[in-house]
Amino acid sequence: MTTLQLLKEAQDLPLEEKALLADSLLRSLSPSDPALEAQWIAEVRRRSAALDAGMTSTISLEEWRQKVQARFPR
């Protein structure tokens, strides 16, 4: 099977299977570093705890885009 044939078949997959395939391919490009992964897990837990404790808040994606565009105009 050629790469183009494989790509065509992958594009016909259901969304969840495409996401799984894409994630797997991306991970294969840069294998994870267990130490770095542990640091990210700790950071996610820290941020989640801060959110749960009311020490921080979230903004919508649209709000974030507006802030980024205001800070970095084209």
C-alpha atoms as a PDB file:
ATOM      1  CA  MET A   1       0.000   0.000   0.000  1.00  0.00           C
ATOM      2  CA  THR A   2       1.346   3.439  -0.893  1.00  0.00           C
ATOM      3  CA  THR A   3       1.343   6.444   1.401  1.00  0.00           C
ATOM      4  CA  LEU A   4      -1.320   8.107  -0.754  1.00  0.00           C
ATOM      5  CA  GLN A   5      -3.565   5.031  -0.530  1.00  0.00           C
ATOM      6  CA  LEU A   6      -3.077   4.929   3.217  1.00  0.00           C
ATOM      7  CA  LEU A   7      -3.894   8.628   3.475  1.00  0.00           C
ATOM      8  CA  LYS A   8      -7.074   8.171   1.430  1.00  0.00           C
ATOM      9  CA  GLU A   9      -8.211   5.327   3.694  1.00  0.00           C
ATOM     10  CA  ALA A  10      -7.358   7.339   6.823  1.00  0.00           C
ATOM     11  CA  GLN A  11      -9.423  10.298   5.583  1.00  0.00           C
ATOM     12  CA  ASP A  12     -12.443   8.016   5.311  1.00  0.00           C
ATOM     13  CA  LEU A  13     -12.250   6.941   8.961  1.00  0.00           C
ATOM     14  CA  PRO A  14     -14.770   8.180  11.538  1.00  0.00           C
ATOM     15  CA  LEU A  15     -13.655  11.292  13.421  1.00  0.00           C
ATOM     16  CA  GLU A  16     -12.649   9.493  16.636  1.00  0.00           C
ATOM     17  CA  GLU A  17     -10.529   6.964  14.740  1.00  0.00           C
ATOM     18  CA  LYS A  18      -8.858   9.754  12.751  1.00  0.00           C
ATOM     19  CA  ALA A  19      -8.039  11.546  16.008  1.00  0.00           C
ATOM     20  CA  LEU A  20      -6.576   8.360  17.482  1.00  0.00           C
ATOM     21  CA  LEU A  21      -4.486   7.773  14.349  1.00  0.00           C
ATOM     22  CA  ALA A  22      -3.287  11.390  14.244  1.00  0.00           C
ATOM     23  CA  ASP A  23      -2.334  11.308  17.922  1.00  0.00           C
ATOM     24  CA  SER A  24      -0.443   8.065  17.452  1.00  0.00           C
ATOM     25  CA  LEU A  25       1.448   9.396  14.423  1.00  0.00           C
ATOM     26  CA  LEU A  26       2.345  12.643  16.185  1.00  0.00           C
ATOM     27  CA  ARG A  27       3.597  10.770  19.228  1.00  0.00           C
ATOM     28  CA  SER A  28       5.770   8.597  17.001  1.00  0.00           C
ATOM     29  CA  LEU A  29       7.480  11.719  15.608  1.00  0.00           C
ATOM     30  CA  SER A  30       8.779  12.745  18.990  1.00  0.00           C
ATOM     31  CA  PRO A  31       8.800   9.995  21.573  1.00  0.00           C
ATOM     32  CA  SER A  32       7.833  11.178  25.020  1.00  0.00           C
ATOM     33  CA  ASP A  33      10.355  11.777  27.736  1.00  0.00           C
ATOM     34  CA  PRO A  34       9.063  10.198  30.974  1.00  0.00           C
ATOM     35  CA  ALA A  35      10.560  12.991  33.092  1.00  0.00           C
ATOM     36  CA  LEU A  36       8.975  15.686  30.949  1.00  0.00           C
ATOM     37  CA  GLU A  37       5.661  13.847  30.926  1.00  0.00           C
ATOM     38  CA  ALA A  38       5.738  13.667  34.729  1.00  0.00           C
ATOM     39  CA  GLN A  39       6.357  17.424  34.874  1.00  0.00           C
ATOM     40  CA  TRP A  40       3.363  18.077  32.591  1.00  0.00           C
ATOM     41  CA  ILE A  41       1.142  15.834  34.719  1.00  0.00           C
ATOM     42  CA  ALA A  42       2.223  17.738  37.848  1.00  0.00           C
ATOM     43  CA  GLU A  43       1.506  21.058  36.093  1.00  0.00           C
ATOM     44  CA  VAL A  44      -1.955  19.918  35.006  1.00  0.00           C
ATOM     45  CA  ARG A  45      -2.729  18.804  38.554  1.00  0.00           C
ATOM     46  CA  ARG A  46      -1.472  22.128  39.960  1.00  0.00           C
ATOM     47  CA  ARG A  47      -3.606  24.122  37.516  1.00  0.00           C
ATOM     48  CA  SER A  48      -6.642  21.938  38.153  1.00  0.00           C
ATOM     49  CA  ALA A  49      -6.297  22.383  41.914  1.00  0.00           C
ATOM     50  CA  ALA A  50      -5.954  26.163  41.503  1.00  0.00           C
ATOM     51  CA  LEU A  51      -9.091  26.219  39.364  1.00  0.00           C
ATOM     52  CA  ASP A  52     -11.018  24.063  41.862  1.00  0.00           C
ATOM     53  CA  ALA A  53      -9.901  26.315  44.734  1.00  0.00           C
ATOM     54  CA  GLY A  54     -11.100  29.422  42.906  1.00  0.00           C
ATOM     55  CA  MET A  55      -7.560  30.811  42.716  1.00  0.00           C
ATOM     56  CA  THR A  56      -7.812  31.187  38.948  1.00  0.00           C
ATOM     57  CA  SER A  57     -10.484  31.308  36.290  1.00  0.00           C
ATOM     58  CA  THR A  58     -10.950  30.395  32.667  1.00  0.00           C
ATOM     59  CA  ILE A  59     -11.772  32.384  29.565  1.00  0.00           C
ATOM     60  CA  SER A  60     -13.435  31.311  26.343  1.00  0.00           C
ATOM     61  CA  LEU A  61     -11.419  30.488  23.251  1.00  0.00           C
ATOM     62  CA  GLU A  62     -12.852  33.563  21.542  1.00  0.00           C
ATOM     63  CA  GLU A  63     -11.772  35.785  24.441  1.00  0.00           C
ATOM     64  CA  TRP A  64      -8.282  34.274  24.298  1.00  0.00           C
ATOM     65  CA  ARG A  65      -8.067  34.880  20.536  1.00  0.00           C
ATOM     66  CA  GLN A  66      -9.071  38.510  20.991  1.00  0.00           C
ATOM     67  CA  LYS A  67      -6.397  39.029  23.653  1.00  0.00           C
ATOM     68  CA  VAL A  68      -3.708  37.404  21.507  1.00  0.00           C
ATOM     69  CA  GLN A  69      -4.715  39.411  18.438  1.00  0.00           C
ATOM     70  CA  ALA A  70      -4.672  42.638  20.455  1.00  0.00           C
ATOM     71  CA  ARG A  71      -1.229  41.840  21.807  1.00  0.00           C
ATOM     72  CA  PHE A  72       0.242  40.637  18.517  1.00  0.00           C
ATOM     73  CA  PRO A  73      -1.427  42.575  15.701  1.00  0.00           C
ATOM     74  CA  ARG A  74      -0.575  41.502  12.181  1.00  0.00           C
END
